[in-house]
Amino acid sequence: MDYLWHITLPVTAMVVGSFAVTTMLTKNSFPEEIRKQYVLTARAKGLDERRVLWKHVFRNALMPIIAGFPAAFPGAFFTGSLLIETLFSLDGLGLLSFDSVIRRDYPVVLGTLYLFTLIGLLTKLMSDLMYVWVDPRVKFD
């Protein structure tokens, strides 16, 4: 229980950093979709505002967020982890990879690079699958 208490603040700091990226993507995506012609057409047809926002705007505004969030997560996570691990005196992958580069420990550098790349590829795959789930019109042949 003591370990969970001491890890709360570093995890919160990392989540807030990633949340900022998602918030900016959302903030820029929704107003752009609301100004498009198909929204004006849906409103002119007499659809209520709630249905226009949920059925038309929300689904199309999610596309850049879904495409950008999983890709931004590993970058923010591993880039920010070095700073967080240094500030909170934690031992983790960010500090391990940084120390390995400084000490020229090439097997560890390549191992951490392999792990970061694997996680990045898995999040890209997850992003593509979520993209198809949100918009079934998208087909990857």
Foldseek 3Di string as FASTA:
>chain_A
DVVVVLCVVLVVVLVVQLVVVLVVLLVVQQVVQCPDDVLVVVVVVPDDPVCSCVVPRVLRSCLVSLQPNLLVNLVSNLVCVLVSCVVSVHDDLNVQLVVCVVVVVVVSVVVSVVVSVVSNVVSNVVSVVVNCVSPVVDDDD
